[in-house]
Amino acid sequence: MGVGSPDDLVRAVGFGFDMFDCVLPTRIARKDLYLQIMED
């Protein structure tokens, strides 16, 4: 709840969260886009 960006999702995983109720991935997919994590 309140997760607003892909960076927020990654940050939450870093804090130990492992379950999300989030519409962000499906909203992005409807526009033929996808999320990709870039490694440093």
Foldseek 3Di string as FASTA:
>chain_A
DPQDDPVSVVVVVVVPDDDDDDCVQVVQVVVVHHDDDDDD
